[in-house]
Amino acid sequence: KLMKTTGVGANATKHRFVCNQGEDACTDEGVLTYLSHLEFNAPLHVYDDTSVPFRGKITVGGTGYSGSLNGCAINAAKVCLHHKSTRGKDNILVCGKTSFDGSYNLPIVIGPVVNSVN
C-alpha cells in the first residue's frame, strides 16, 4: 500500500496513487508485482494522482448591483488551467465550464503552479 497525507487536521489531504500506467488505483488495495525467480530491480511505476479543487467565479467587471456586488455572472464560459513549461510549451491541465452563477470548480493534480486562467 502507498499512503501519504499532506497537511494536518481539517486541512489534511489524503493522496491517491495509481500504478500500471495509471490504470490501477494502488492506494487502498495496494499493488501486486510478480517477479521471476531471482529477479531484482523490477520497476514499479507509481504516480501521485491526488487532486484538489481549484475554484473561482467569472463576472463582468463594473456591472455590480445590489443582488450581486461582484457583477453579472458569465454562464457556460470555458475555463482552462494551463501549465507553461520552462521551454515555453503550453499544456492544458484541465478544462470546465462555469455554472449559471459564473462559478467553476476544477480538479487539479497537486503540485502544479497555476500562473494564469484562460
PDB file of N, CA and C in Angstrom:
ATOM      1  N   LYS A   1       0.827  -1.179   0.000  1.00  0.00           N
ATOM      2  CA  LYS A   1       0.000   0.000   0.000  1.00  0.00           C
ATOM      3  C   LYS A   1       0.872   1.243   0.000  1.00  0.00           C
ATOM      4  N   LEU A   2       0.403   2.247  -0.679  1.00  0.00           N
ATOM      5  CA  LEU A   2       1.095   3.529  -0.680  1.00  0.00           C
ATOM      6  C   LEU A   2       0.206   4.529   0.043  1.00  0.00           C
ATOM      7  N   MET A   3       0.767   5.230   1.005  1.00  0.00           N
ATOM      8  CA  MET A   3      -0.023   6.197   1.762  1.00  0.00           C
ATOM      9  C   MET A   3       0.786   7.465   1.976  1.00  0.00           C
ATOM     10  N   LYS A   4       0.094   8.591   1.837  1.00  0.00           N
ATOM     11  CA  LYS A   4       0.707   9.870   2.143  1.00  0.00           C
ATOM     12  C   LYS A   4      -0.405  10.851   2.459  1.00  0.00           C
ATOM     13  N   THR A   5      -0.199  11.677   3.463  1.00  0.00           N
ATOM     14  CA  THR A   5      -1.139  12.730   3.819  1.00  0.00           C
ATOM     15  C   THR A   5      -0.363  14.033   3.882  1.00  0.00           C
ATOM     16  N   THR A   6      -0.895  15.056   3.230  1.00  0.00           N
ATOM     17  CA  THR A   6      -0.281  16.379   3.260  1.00  0.00           C
ATOM     18  C   THR A   6      -1.145  17.273   4.144  1.00  0.00           C
ATOM     19  N   GLY A   7      -0.514  17.992   5.043  1.00  0.00           N
ATOM     20  CA  GLY A   7      -1.251  18.867   5.951  1.00  0.00           C
ATOM     21  C   GLY A   7      -1.702  18.103   7.187  1.00  0.00           C
ATOM     22  N   VAL A   8      -2.358  18.833   8.088  1.00  0.00           N
ATOM     23  CA  VAL A   8      -2.840  18.231   9.329  1.00  0.00           C
ATOM     24  C   VAL A   8      -4.249  18.703   9.634  1.00  0.00           C
ATOM     25  N   GLY A   9      -4.935  17.925  10.451  1.00  0.00           N
ATOM     26  CA  GLY A   9      -6.272  18.296  10.909  1.00  0.00           C
ATOM     27  C   GLY A   9      -7.267  18.459   9.777  1.00  0.00           C
ATOM     28  N   ALA A  10      -8.056  19.524   9.848  1.00  0.00           N
ATOM     29  CA  ALA A  10      -9.097  19.775   8.849  1.00  0.00           C
ATOM     30  C   ALA A  10      -8.522  20.067   7.473  1.00  0.00           C
ATOM     31  N   ASN A  11      -7.252  20.482   7.414  1.00  0.00           N
ATOM     32  CA  ASN A  11      -6.614  20.797   6.131  1.00  0.00           C
ATOM     33  C   ASN A  11      -5.853  19.616   5.534  1.00  0.00           C
ATOM     34  N   ALA A  12      -5.984  18.436   6.133  1.00  0.00           N
ATOM     35  CA  ALA A  12      -5.248  17.260   5.655  1.00  0.00           C
ATOM     36  C   ALA A  12      -5.816  16.767   4.329  1.00  0.00           C
ATOM     37  N   THR A  13      -4.930  16.410   3.414  1.00  0.00           N
ATOM     38  CA  THR A  13      -5.309  15.847   2.118  1.00  0.00           C
ATOM     39  C   THR A  13      -4.679  14.472   2.001  1.00  0.00           C
ATOM     40  N   LYS A  14      -5.521  13.447   1.828  1.00  0.00           N
ATOM     41  CA  LYS A  14      -5.036  12.083   1.648  1.00  0.00           C
ATOM     42  C   LYS A  14      -4.734  11.905   0.163  1.00  0.00           C
ATOM     43  N   HIS A  15      -3.536  11.479  -0.156  1.00  0.00           N
ATOM     44  CA  HIS A  15      -3.123  11.325  -1.547  1.00  0.00           C
ATOM     45  C   HIS A  15      -3.709  10.062  -2.166  1.00  0.00           C
ATOM     46  N   ARG A  16      -3.856  10.093  -3.494  1.00  0.00           N
ATOM     47  CA  ARG A  16      -4.343   8.954  -4.274  1.00  0.00           C
ATOM     48  C   ARG A  16      -3.236   8.572  -5.251  1.00  0.00           C
ATOM     49  N   PHE A  17      -2.834   7.307  -5.233  1.00  0.00           N
ATOM     50  CA  PHE A  17      -1.762   6.833  -6.109  1.00  0.00           C
ATOM     51  C   PHE A  17      -2.316   5.863  -7.139  1.00  0.00           C
ATOM     52  N   VAL A  18      -1.755   5.902  -8.348  1.00  0.00           N
ATOM     53  CA  VAL A  18      -2.120   4.965  -9.405  1.00  0.00           C
ATOM     54  C   VAL A  18      -0.852   4.271  -9.900  1.00  0.00           C
ATOM     55  N   CYS A  19      -1.035   3.029 -10.343  1.00  0.00           N
ATOM     56  CA  CYS A  19       0.068   2.212 -10.836  1.00  0.00           C
ATOM     57  C   CYS A  19      -0.273   1.676 -12.218  1.00  0.00           C
ATOM     58  N   ASN A  20       0.681   0.986 -12.836  1.00  0.00           N
ATOM     59  CA  ASN A  20       0.470   0.352 -14.151  1.00  0.00           C
ATOM     60  C   ASN A  20      -0.038   1.350 -15.182  1.00  0.00           C
ATOM     61  N   GLN A  21       0.761   2.366 -15.423  1.00  0.00           N
ATOM     62  CA  GLN A  21       0.441   3.415 -16.412  1.00  0.00           C
ATOM     63  C   GLN A  21      -0.849   4.153 -16.070  1.00  0.00           C
ATOM     64  N   GLY A  22      -1.191   4.235 -14.790  1.00  0.00           N
ATOM     65  CA  GLY A  22      -2.377   4.971 -14.361  1.00  0.00           C
ATOM     66  C   GLY A  22      -3.663   4.179 -14.432  1.00  0.00           C
ATOM     67  N   GLU A  23      -3.592   2.874 -14.713  1.00  0.00           N
ATOM     68  CA  GLU A  23      -4.798   2.066 -14.872  1.00  0.00           C
ATOM     69  C   GLU A  23      -5.325   1.496 -13.555  1.00  0.00           C
ATOM     70  N   ASP A  24      -4.462   1.293 -12.582  1.00  0.00           N
ATOM     71  CA  ASP A  24      -4.867   0.666 -11.325  1.00  0.00           C
ATOM     72  C   ASP A  24      -4.662   1.614 -10.160  1.00  0.00           C
ATOM     73  N   ALA A  25      -5.690   1.741  -9.326  1.00  0.00           N
ATOM     74  CA  ALA A  25      -5.537   2.503  -8.090  1.00  0.00           C
ATOM     75  C   ALA A  25      -4.746   1.639  -7.125  1.00  0.00           C
ATOM     76  N   CYS A  26      -3.703   2.165  -6.560  1.00  0.00           N
ATOM     77  CA  CYS A  26      -2.880   1.349  -5.656  1.00  0.00           C
ATOM     78  C   CYS A  26      -2.745   1.985  -4.278  1.00  0.00           C
ATOM     79  N   THR A  27      -3.681   2.860  -3.926  1.00  0.00           N
ATOM     80  CA  THR A  27      -3.642   3.496  -2.616  1.00  0.00           C
ATOM     81  C   THR A  27      -4.245   2.596  -1.546  1.00  0.00           C
ATOM     82  N   ASP A  28      -5.498   2.178  -1.739  1.00  0.00           N
ATOM     83  CA  ASP A  28      -6.208   1.425  -0.707  1.00  0.00           C
ATOM     84  C   ASP A  28      -5.918  -0.069  -0.748  1.00  0.00           C
ATOM     85  N   GLU A  29      -5.920  -0.632  -1.933  1.00  0.00           N
ATOM     86  CA  GLU A  29      -5.743  -2.071  -2.074  1.00  0.00           C
ATOM     87  C   GLU A  29      -4.280  -2.474  -2.160  1.00  0.00           C
ATOM     88  N   GLY A  30      -3.397  -1.559  -2.463  1.00  0.00           N
ATOM     89  CA  GLY A  30      -2.010  -1.895  -2.695  1.00  0.00           C
ATOM     90  C   GLY A  30      -1.854  -2.400  -4.120  1.00  0.00           C
ATOM     91  N   VAL A  31      -0.701  -2.893  -4.450  1.00  0.00           N
ATOM     92  CA  VAL A  31      -0.449  -3.404  -5.793  1.00  0.00           C
ATOM     93  C   VAL A  31       0.447  -4.630  -5.684  1.00  0.00           C
ATOM     94  N   LEU A  32       0.132  -5.647  -6.478  1.00  0.00           N
ATOM     95  CA  LEU A  32       0.961  -6.845  -6.530  1.00  0.00           C
ATOM     96  C   LEU A  32       1.902  -6.743  -7.713  1.00  0.00           C
ATOM     97  N   THR A  33       3.154  -7.062  -7.489  1.00  0.00           N
ATOM     98  CA  THR A  33       4.135  -7.095  -8.567  1.00  0.00           C
ATOM     99  C   THR A  33       4.689  -8.511  -8.626  1.00  0.00           C
ATOM    100  N   TYR A  34       4.533  -9.134  -9.771  1.00  0.00           N
ATOM    101  CA  TYR A  34       5.002 -10.501  -9.938  1.00  0.00           C
ATOM    102  C   TYR A  34       6.433 -10.486 -10.470  1.00  0.00           C
ATOM    103  N   LEU A  35       7.277 -11.254  -9.822  1.00  0.00           N
ATOM    104  CA  LEU A  35       8.682 -11.329 -10.193  1.00  0.00           C
ATOM    105  C   LEU A  35       9.031 -12.766 -10.544  1.00  0.00           C
ATOM    106  N   SER A  36       9.999 -12.923 -11.401  1.00  0.00           N
ATOM    107  CA  SER A  36      10.539 -14.243 -11.696  1.00  0.00           C
ATOM    108  C   SER A  36      11.564 -14.597 -10.627  1.00  0.00           C
ATOM    109  N   HIS A  37      11.904 -15.865 -10.556  1.00  0.00           N
ATOM    110  CA  HIS A  37      12.891 -16.329  -9.582  1.00  0.00           C
ATOM    111  C   HIS A  37      14.201 -15.559  -9.761  1.00  0.00           C
ATOM    112  N   LEU A  38      14.698 -14.993  -8.678  1.00  0.00           N
ATOM    113  CA  LEU A  38      15.945 -14.230  -8.638  1.00  0.00           C
ATOM    114  C   LEU A  38      15.914 -12.973  -9.519  1.00  0.00           C
ATOM    115  N   GLU A  39      14.742 -12.427  -9.727  1.00  0.00           N
ATOM    116  CA  GLU A  39      14.630 -11.174 -10.498  1.00  0.00           C
ATOM    117  C   GLU A  39      14.728 -10.004  -9.524  1.00  0.00           C
ATOM    118  N   PHE A  40      15.645  -9.115  -9.790  1.00  0.00           N
ATOM    119  CA  PHE A  40      15.857  -7.964  -8.928  1.00  0.00           C
ATOM    120  C   PHE A  40      15.656  -6.689  -9.735  1.00  0.00           C
ATOM    121  N   ASN A  41      15.484  -5.600  -9.042  1.00  0.00           N
ATOM    122  CA  ASN A  41      15.346  -4.282  -9.667  1.00  0.00           C
ATOM    123  C   ASN A  41      14.193  -4.211 -10.667  1.00  0.00           C
ATOM    124  N   ALA A  42      13.091  -4.906 -10.391  1.00  0.00           N
ATOM    125  CA  ALA A  42      11.911  -4.817 -11.261  1.00  0.00           C
ATOM    126  C   ALA A  42      11.252  -3.459 -11.014  1.00  0.00           C
ATOM    127  N   PRO A  43      11.053  -2.674 -12.062  1.00  0.00           N
ATOM    128  CA  PRO A  43      10.490  -1.335 -11.866  1.00  0.00           C
ATOM    129  C   PRO A  43       9.004  -1.380 -11.516  1.00  0.00           C
ATOM    130  N   LEU A  44       8.593  -0.460 -10.671  1.00  0.00           N
ATOM    131  CA  LEU A  44       7.189  -0.257 -10.346  1.00  0.00           C
ATOM    132  C   LEU A  44       6.930   1.234 -10.512  1.00  0.00           C
ATOM    133  N   HIS A  45       6.131   1.592 -11.484  1.00  0.00           N
ATOM    134  CA  HIS A  45       5.857   2.998 -11.766  1.00  0.00           C
ATOM    135  C   HIS A  45       4.603   3.421 -11.012  1.00  0.00           C
ATOM    136  N   VAL A  46       4.769   4.383 -10.127  1.00  0.00           N
ATOM    137  CA  VAL A  46       3.679   4.878  -9.294  1.00  0.00           C
ATOM    138  C   VAL A  46       3.551   6.373  -9.526  1.00  0.00           C
ATOM    139  N   TYR A  47       2.316   6.831  -9.674  1.00  0.00           N
ATOM    140  CA  TYR A  47       2.057   8.251  -9.916  1.00  0.00           C
ATOM    141  C   TYR A  47       1.119   8.785  -8.852  1.00  0.00           C
ATOM    142  N   ASP A  48       1.406   9.972  -8.354  1.00  0.00           N
ATOM    143  CA  ASP A  48       0.519  10.642  -7.408  1.00  0.00           C
ATOM    144  C   ASP A  48      -0.570  11.333  -8.222  1.00  0.00           C
ATOM    145  N   ASP A  49      -1.794  10.867  -8.087  1.00  0.00           N
ATOM    146  CA  ASP A  49      -2.934  11.371  -8.865  1.00  0.00           C
ATOM    147  C   ASP A  49      -3.886  12.189  -7.998  1.00  0.00           C
ATOM    148  N   THR A  50      -3.383  12.692  -6.879  1.00  0.00           N
ATOM    149  CA  THR A  50      -4.209  13.452  -5.946  1.00  0.00           C
ATOM    150  C   THR A  50      -4.594  14.793  -6.554  1.00  0.00           C
ATOM    151  N   SER A  51      -5.859  15.131  -6.452  1.00  0.00           N
ATOM    152  CA  SER A  51      -6.286  16.432  -6.963  1.00  0.00           C
ATOM    153  C   SER A  51      -6.950  17.244  -5.857  1.00  0.00           C
ATOM    154  N   VAL A  52      -6.889  18.535  -6.017  1.00  0.00           N
ATOM    155  CA  VAL A  52      -7.543  19.469  -5.106  1.00  0.00           C
ATOM    156  C   VAL A  52      -8.433  20.373  -5.942  1.00  0.00           C
ATOM    157  N   PRO A  53      -9.483  20.917  -5.344  1.00  0.00           N
ATOM    158  CA  PRO A  53     -10.367  21.795  -6.126  1.00  0.00           C
ATOM    159  C   PRO A  53      -9.734  23.159  -6.381  1.00  0.00           C
ATOM    160  N   PHE A  54      -9.871  23.627  -7.602  1.00  0.00           N
ATOM    161  CA  PHE A  54      -9.453  24.979  -7.983  1.00  0.00           C
ATOM    162  C   PHE A  54     -10.740  25.701  -8.334  1.00  0.00           C
ATOM    163  N   ARG A  55     -11.150  26.636  -7.481  1.00  0.00           N
ATOM    164  CA  ARG A  55     -12.461  27.267  -7.614  1.00  0.00           C
ATOM    165  C   ARG A  55     -12.337  28.750  -7.924  1.00  0.00           C
ATOM    166  N   GLY A  56     -13.368  29.250  -8.584  1.00  0.00           N
ATOM    167  CA  GLY A  56     -13.414  30.675  -8.862  1.00  0.00           C
ATOM    168  C   GLY A  56     -14.773  31.075  -9.406  1.00  0.00           C
ATOM    169  N   LYS A  57     -14.890  32.322  -9.783  1.00  0.00           N
ATOM    170  CA  LYS A  57     -16.135  32.855 -10.304  1.00  0.00           C
ATOM    171  C   LYS A  57     -15.797  33.898 -11.360  1.00  0.00           C
ATOM    172  N   ILE A  58     -16.510  33.853 -12.474  1.00  0.00           N
ATOM    173  CA  ILE A  58     -16.272  34.805 -13.554  1.00  0.00           C
ATOM    174  C   ILE A  58     -17.475  35.723 -13.664  1.00  0.00           C
ATOM    175  N   THR A  59     -17.196  37.020 -13.553  1.00  0.00           N
ATOM    176  CA  THR A  59     -18.237  38.041 -13.671  1.00  0.00           C
ATOM    177  C   THR A  59     -17.744  39.161 -14.577  1.00  0.00           C
ATOM    178  N   VAL A  60     -18.658  39.965 -15.026  1.00  0.00           N
ATOM    179  CA  VAL A  60     -18.323  41.114 -15.868  1.00  0.00           C
ATOM    180  C   VAL A  60     -17.999  42.287 -14.946  1.00  0.00           C
ATOM    181  N   GLY A  61     -16.787  42.805 -15.052  1.00  0.00           N
ATOM    182  CA  GLY A  61     -16.370  43.918 -14.215  1.00  0.00           C
ATOM    183  C   GLY A  61     -17.217  45.167 -14.438  1.00  0.00           C
ATOM    184  N   GLY A  62     -17.475  45.872 -13.360  1.00  0.00           N
ATOM    185  CA  GLY A  62     -18.212  47.134 -13.445  1.00  0.00           C
ATOM    186  C   GLY A  62     -19.711  46.970 -13.593  1.00  0.00           C
ATOM    187  N   THR A  63     -20.232  45.755 -13.403  1.00  0.00           N
ATOM    188  CA  THR A  63     -21.680  45.536 -13.555  1.00  0.00           C
ATOM    189  C   THR A  63     -22.336  45.172 -12.230  1.00  0.00           C
ATOM    190  N   GLY A  64     -21.684  45.480 -11.116  1.00  0.00           N
ATOM    191  CA  GLY A  64     -22.228  45.145  -9.807  1.00  0.00           C
ATOM    192  C   GLY A  64     -23.541  45.863  -9.529  1.00  0.00           C
ATOM    193  N   TYR A  65     -24.392  45.180  -8.794  1.00  0.00           N
ATOM    194  CA  TYR A  65     -25.689  45.745  -8.384  1.00  0.00           C
ATOM    195  C   TYR A  65     -26.030  45.161  -7.025  1.00  0.00           C
ATOM    196  N   SER A  66     -27.129  45.588  -6.429  1.00  0.00           N
ATOM    197  CA  SER A  66     -27.450  45.193  -5.056  1.00  0.00           C
ATOM    198  C   SER A  66     -27.579  43.674  -4.891  1.00  0.00           C
ATOM    199  N   GLY A  67     -28.030  42.949  -5.891  1.00  0.00           N
ATOM    200  CA  GLY A  67     -28.175  41.497  -5.802  1.00  0.00           C
ATOM    201  C   GLY A  67     -26.872  40.760  -6.043  1.00  0.00           C
ATOM    202  N   SER A  68     -25.912  41.417  -6.685  1.00  0.00           N
ATOM    203  CA  SER A  68     -24.617  40.790  -6.964  1.00  0.00           C
ATOM    204  C   SER A  68     -23.555  41.875  -7.029  1.00  0.00           C
ATOM    205  N   LEU A  69     -22.889  42.099  -5.918  1.00  0.00           N
ATOM    206  CA  LEU A  69     -21.895  43.164  -5.845  1.00  0.00           C
ATOM    207  C   LEU A  69     -20.691  42.907  -6.740  1.00  0.00           C
ATOM    208  N   ASN A  70     -20.444  41.626  -7.084  1.00  0.00           N
ATOM    209  CA  ASN A  70     -19.313  41.290  -7.946  1.00  0.00           C
ATOM    210  C   ASN A  70     -19.606  41.501  -9.421  1.00  0.00           C
ATOM    211  N   GLY A  71     -20.853  41.691  -9.785  1.00  0.00           N
ATOM    212  CA  GLY A  71     -21.211  41.893 -11.178  1.00  0.00           C
ATOM    213  C   GLY A  71     -21.998  40.738 -11.758  1.00  0.00           C
ATOM    214  N   CYS A  72     -22.362  40.896 -13.016  1.00  0.00           N
ATOM    215  CA  CYS A  72     -23.152  39.883 -13.718  1.00  0.00           C
ATOM    216  C   CYS A  72     -22.289  38.651 -13.996  1.00  0.00           C
ATOM    217  N   ALA A  73     -22.838  37.483 -13.664  1.00  0.00           N
ATOM    218  CA  ALA A  73     -22.128  36.224 -13.861  1.00  0.00           C
ATOM    219  C   ALA A  73     -22.113  35.839 -15.335  1.00  0.00           C
ATOM    220  N   ILE A  74     -21.055  35.140 -15.732  1.00  0.00           N
ATOM    221  CA  ILE A  74     -20.967  34.623 -17.093  1.00  0.00           C
ATOM    222  C   ILE A  74     -21.212  33.120 -17.027  1.00  0.00           C
ATOM    223  N   ASN A  75     -22.310  32.695 -17.642  1.00  0.00           N
ATOM    224  CA  ASN A  75     -22.732  31.301 -17.639  1.00  0.00           C
ATOM    225  C   ASN A  75     -22.093  30.553 -18.812  1.00  0.00           C
ATOM    226  N   ALA A  76     -21.711  29.296 -18.592  1.00  0.00           N
ATOM    227  CA  ALA A  76     -21.204  28.386 -19.622  1.00  0.00           C
ATOM    228  C   ALA A  76     -19.910  28.870 -20.288  1.00  0.00           C
ATOM    229  N   ALA A  77     -19.115  29.667 -19.582  1.00  0.00           N
ATOM    230  CA  ALA A  77     -17.813  30.085 -20.110  1.00  0.00           C
ATOM    231  C   ALA A  77     -16.829  28.931 -19.945  1.00  0.00           C
ATOM    232  N   LYS A  78     -15.997  28.712 -20.936  1.00  0.00           N
ATOM    233  CA  LYS A  78     -14.984  27.657 -20.853  1.00  0.00           C
ATOM    234  C   LYS A  78     -13.794  28.188 -20.050  1.00  0.00           C
ATOM    235  N   VAL A  79     -13.398  27.436 -19.030  1.00  0.00           N
ATOM    236  CA  VAL A  79     -12.287  27.802 -18.169  1.00  0.00           C
ATOM    237  C   VAL A  79     -11.245  26.688 -18.268  1.00  0.00           C
ATOM    238  N   CYS A  80     -10.007  27.043 -18.605  1.00  0.00           N
ATOM    239  CA  CYS A  80      -8.934  26.058 -18.718  1.00  0.00           C
ATOM    240  C   CYS A  80      -7.746  26.498 -17.873  1.00  0.00           C
ATOM    241  N   LEU A  81      -7.130  25.542 -17.188  1.00  0.00           N
ATOM    242  CA  LEU A  81      -5.906  25.802 -16.452  1.00  0.00           C
ATOM    243  C   LEU A  81      -4.742  25.336 -17.311  1.00  0.00           C
ATOM    244  N   HIS A  82      -3.762  26.203 -17.487  1.00  0.00           N
ATOM    245  CA  HIS A  82      -2.617  25.933 -18.354  1.00  0.00           C
ATOM    246  C   HIS A  82      -1.343  25.797 -17.536  1.00  0.00           C
ATOM    247  N   HIS A  83      -0.440  24.985 -18.023  1.00  0.00           N
ATOM    248  CA  HIS A  83       0.896  24.885 -17.459  1.00  0.00           C
ATOM    249  C   HIS A  83       1.890  25.221 -18.569  1.00  0.00           C
ATOM    250  N   LYS A  84       2.709  26.200 -18.324  1.00  0.00           N
ATOM    251  CA  LYS A  84       3.728  26.570 -19.301  1.00  0.00           C
ATOM    252  C   LYS A  84       5.068  26.053 -18.787  1.00  0.00           C
ATOM    253  N   SER A  85       5.692  25.176 -19.574  1.00  0.00           N
ATOM    254  CA  SER A  85       6.964  24.589 -19.161  1.00  0.00           C
ATOM    255  C   SER A  85       8.075  25.630 -19.264  1.00  0.00           C
ATOM    256  N   THR A  86       9.220  25.284 -18.713  1.00  0.00           N
ATOM    257  CA  THR A  86      10.360  26.196 -18.775  1.00  0.00           C
ATOM    258  C   THR A  86      10.844  26.389 -20.210  1.00  0.00           C
ATOM    259  N   ARG A  87      10.465  25.498 -21.114  1.00  0.00           N
ATOM    260  CA  ARG A  87      10.822  25.629 -22.532  1.00  0.00           C
ATOM    261  C   ARG A  87       9.762  26.394 -23.314  1.00  0.00           C
ATOM    262  N   GLY A  88       8.748  26.887 -22.616  1.00  0.00           N
ATOM    263  CA  GLY A  88       7.729  27.698 -23.271  1.00  0.00           C
ATOM    264  C   GLY A  88       6.560  26.920 -23.837  1.00  0.00           C
ATOM    265  N   LYS A  89       6.556  25.599 -23.669  1.00  0.00           N
ATOM    266  CA  LYS A  89       5.458  24.789 -24.185  1.00  0.00           C
ATOM    267  C   LYS A  89       4.249  24.948 -23.270  1.00  0.00           C
ATOM    268  N   ASP A  90       3.088  25.196 -23.872  1.00  0.00           N
ATOM    269  CA  ASP A  90       1.856  25.421 -23.132  1.00  0.00           C
ATOM    270  C   ASP A  90       1.012  24.144 -23.155  1.00  0.00           C
ATOM    271  N   ASN A  91       0.749  23.577 -21.969  1.00  0.00           N
ATOM    272  CA  ASN A  91      -0.072  22.374 -21.855  1.00  0.00           C
ATOM    273  C   ASN A  91      -1.344  22.692 -21.088  1.00  0.00           C
ATOM    274  N   ILE A  92      -2.478  22.233 -21.590  1.00  0.00           N
ATOM    275  CA  ILE A  92      -3.741  22.404 -20.873  1.00  0.00           C
ATOM    276  C   ILE A  92      -3.839  21.293 -19.844  1.00  0.00           C
ATOM    277  N   LEU A  93      -4.030  21.663 -18.572  1.00  0.00           N
ATOM    278  CA  LEU A  93      -4.143  20.690 -17.490  1.00  0.00           C
ATOM    279  C   LEU A  93      -5.559  20.161 -17.361  1.00  0.00           C
ATOM    280  N   VAL A  94      -6.534  21.050 -17.368  1.00  0.00           N
ATOM    281  CA  VAL A  94      -7.935  20.662 -17.198  1.00  0.00           C
ATOM    282  C   VAL A  94      -8.813  21.816 -17.676  1.00  0.00           C
ATOM    283  N   CYS A  95      -9.993  21.482 -18.198  1.00  0.00           N
ATOM    284  CA  CYS A  95     -10.967  22.495 -18.625  1.00  0.00           C
ATOM    285  C   CYS A  95     -12.337  22.175 -18.034  1.00  0.00           C
ATOM    286  N   GLY A  96     -13.166  23.175 -17.945  1.00  0.00           N
ATOM    287  CA  GLY A  96     -14.538  23.018 -17.472  1.00  0.00           C
ATOM    288  C   GLY A  96     -15.341  24.232 -17.873  1.00  0.00           C
ATOM    289  N   LYS A  97     -16.613  24.258 -17.501  1.00  0.00           N
ATOM    290  CA  LYS A  97     -17.491  25.388 -17.823  1.00  0.00           C
ATOM    291  C   LYS A  97     -18.043  25.983 -16.541  1.00  0.00           C
ATOM    292  N   THR A  98     -18.322  27.268 -16.601  1.00  0.00           N
ATOM    293  CA  THR A  98     -18.921  27.935 -15.448  1.00  0.00           C
ATOM    294  C   THR A  98     -20.390  27.554 -15.343  1.00  0.00           C
ATOM    295  N   SER A  99     -20.910  27.601 -14.133  1.00  0.00           N
ATOM    296  CA  SER A  99     -22.323  27.322 -13.908  1.00  0.00           C
ATOM    297  C   SER A  99     -23.129  28.614 -14.072  1.00  0.00           C
ATOM    298  N   PHE A 100     -24.415  28.549 -13.821  1.00  0.00           N
ATOM    299  CA  PHE A 100     -25.311  29.700 -14.025  1.00  0.00           C
ATOM    300  C   PHE A 100     -24.879  30.935 -13.242  1.00  0.00           C
ATOM    301  N   ASP A 101     -24.207  30.732 -12.100  1.00  0.00           N
ATOM    302  CA  ASP A 101     -23.791  31.880 -11.282  1.00  0.00           C
ATOM    303  C   ASP A 101     -22.343  32.297 -11.563  1.00  0.00           C
ATOM    304  N   GLY A 102     -21.747  31.750 -12.630  1.00  0.00           N
ATOM    305  CA  GLY A 102     -20.391  32.113 -13.016  1.00  0.00           C
ATOM    306  C   GLY A 102     -19.297  31.352 -12.291  1.00  0.00           C
ATOM    307  N   SER A 103     -19.665  30.453 -11.396  1.00  0.00           N
ATOM    308  CA  SER A 103     -18.645  29.737 -10.627  1.00  0.00           C
ATOM    309  C   SER A 103     -18.155  28.500 -11.376  1.00  0.00           C
ATOM    310  N   TYR A 104     -16.928  28.117 -11.076  1.00  0.00           N
ATOM    311  CA  TYR A 104     -16.345  26.898 -11.625  1.00  0.00           C
ATOM    312  C   TYR A 104     -15.577  26.185 -10.529  1.00  0.00           C
ATOM    313  N   ASN A 105     -15.415  24.874 -10.678  1.00  0.00           N
ATOM    314  CA  ASN A 105     -14.710  24.048  -9.712  1.00  0.00           C
ATOM    315  C   ASN A 105     -13.990  22.968 -10.507  1.00  0.00           C
ATOM    316  N   LEU A 106     -12.682  23.111 -10.662  1.00  0.00           N
ATOM    317  CA  LEU A 106     -11.903  22.184 -11.476  1.00  0.00           C
ATOM    318  C   LEU A 106     -10.938  21.394 -10.601  1.00  0.00           C
ATOM    319  N   PRO A 107     -10.813  20.063 -10.853  1.00  0.00           N
ATOM    320  CA  PRO A 107      -9.836  19.289 -10.089  1.00  0.00           C
ATOM    321  C   PRO A 107      -8.454  19.457 -10.714  1.00  0.00           C
ATOM    322  N   ILE A 108      -7.488  19.819  -9.899  1.00  0.00           N
ATOM    323  CA  ILE A 108      -6.128  19.966 -10.406  1.00  0.00           C
ATOM    324  C   ILE A 108      -5.204  19.089  -9.570  1.00  0.00           C
ATOM    325  N   VAL A 109      -4.313  18.375 -10.244  1.00  0.00           N
ATOM    326  CA  VAL A 109      -3.387  17.486  -9.548  1.00  0.00           C
ATOM    327  C   VAL A 109      -2.460  18.321  -8.683  1.00  0.00           C
ATOM    328  N   ILE A 110      -2.218  17.861  -7.468  1.00  0.00           N
ATOM    329  CA  ILE A 110      -1.353  18.581  -6.529  1.00  0.00           C
ATOM    330  C   ILE A 110       0.037  18.744  -7.116  1.00  0.00           C
ATOM    331  N   GLY A 111       0.599  19.932  -6.956  1.00  0.00           N
ATOM    332  CA  GLY A 111       1.971  20.165  -7.394  1.00  0.00           C
ATOM    333  C   GLY A 111       2.101  21.302  -8.392  1.00  0.00           C
ATOM    334  N   PRO A 112       1.244  21.392  -9.421  1.00  0.00           N
ATOM    335  CA  PRO A 112       1.430  22.463 -10.405  1.00  0.00           C
ATOM    336  C   PRO A 112       1.222  23.849  -9.799  1.00  0.00           C
ATOM    337  N   VAL A 113       1.893  24.807 -10.386  1.00  0.00           N
ATOM    338  CA  VAL A 113       1.703  26.207 -10.033  1.00  0.00           C
ATOM    339  C   VAL A 113       0.888  26.822 -11.168  1.00  0.00           C
ATOM    340  N   VAL A 114      -0.267  27.403 -10.841  1.00  0.00           N
ATOM    341  CA  VAL A 114      -1.121  27.998 -11.859  1.00  0.00           C
ATOM    342  C   VAL A 114      -0.753  29.478 -11.996  1.00  0.00           C
ATOM    343  N   ASN A 115      -0.268  29.845 -13.183  1.00  0.00           N
ATOM    344  CA  ASN A 115       0.122  31.226 -13.429  1.00  0.00           C
ATOM    345  C   ASN A 115      -0.976  32.034 -14.086  1.00  0.00           C
ATOM    346  N   SER A 116      -1.852  31.360 -14.829  1.00  0.00           N
ATOM    347  CA  SER A 116      -2.945  32.091 -15.484  1.00  0.00           C
ATOM    348  C   SER A 116      -4.116  31.157 -15.694  1.00  0.00           C
ATOM    349  N   VAL A 117      -5.285  31.764 -15.780  1.00  0.00           N
ATOM    350  CA  VAL A 117      -6.524  31.050 -16.079  1.00  0.00           C
ATOM    351  C   VAL A 117      -7.095  31.678 -17.326  1.00  0.00           C
ATOM    352  N   ASN A 118      -7.307  30.892 -18.371  1.00  0.00           N
ATOM    353  CA  ASN A 118      -7.866  31.407 -19.622  1.00  0.00           C
ATOM    354  C   ASN A 118      -9.280  30.897 -19.801  1.00  0.00           C
TER     355      ASN A 118
END
